[in-house]
Amino acid sequence: MCSSDLGVFGVGAALAGLAGVLGGNAFVTEPGMAATVGSVIFVVVVVGGMGSLGGAFVASLLIGMVQTLAVAIDQSMLTVMSAWGMKPTPQHWAYPVLELKLSQVAPILPYLMLVLTIIFRPRGLMGTREG
């Protein structure tokens, strides 16, 4: 290992320690906490681009803002459709989905972003092409 590798490792370890200190106060620290946070971290890495630190940063901000905005808006598609003059009835096939509030679907929005990223930009937001 050369000295630059040791420096990068040291900075990474320091950032991991800082994340542990900050995250320990914000989240419940338990043995199974990787099950709750790990999947969102995976989404952030894939959406940002594998191996791209800047991409992971941008993706984490984007996913956090999308989820926060979804909870803050708290409207359903029925409200939007009513504003446009469309009034679906409870017999409509999509009525159960249309009456869901955006805050209820906020937890699945990162996974929707993951699917859209894989479809339209498989390397992630800031991933580079190989070869």
Foldseek 3Di string as FASTA:
>chain_A
DDPVVVVVVVVVVVVVVVCCVVVVVVDPDDPPVCVVCVVLLVLLCQQLFPPDPVSSVVSVVVLVVQLVVQLVVFAFQQVVCVVVVDHDDPVDPCVVRRRDTSNVCSVCVSVVSSVVCCVPPRRHDPGDDDD
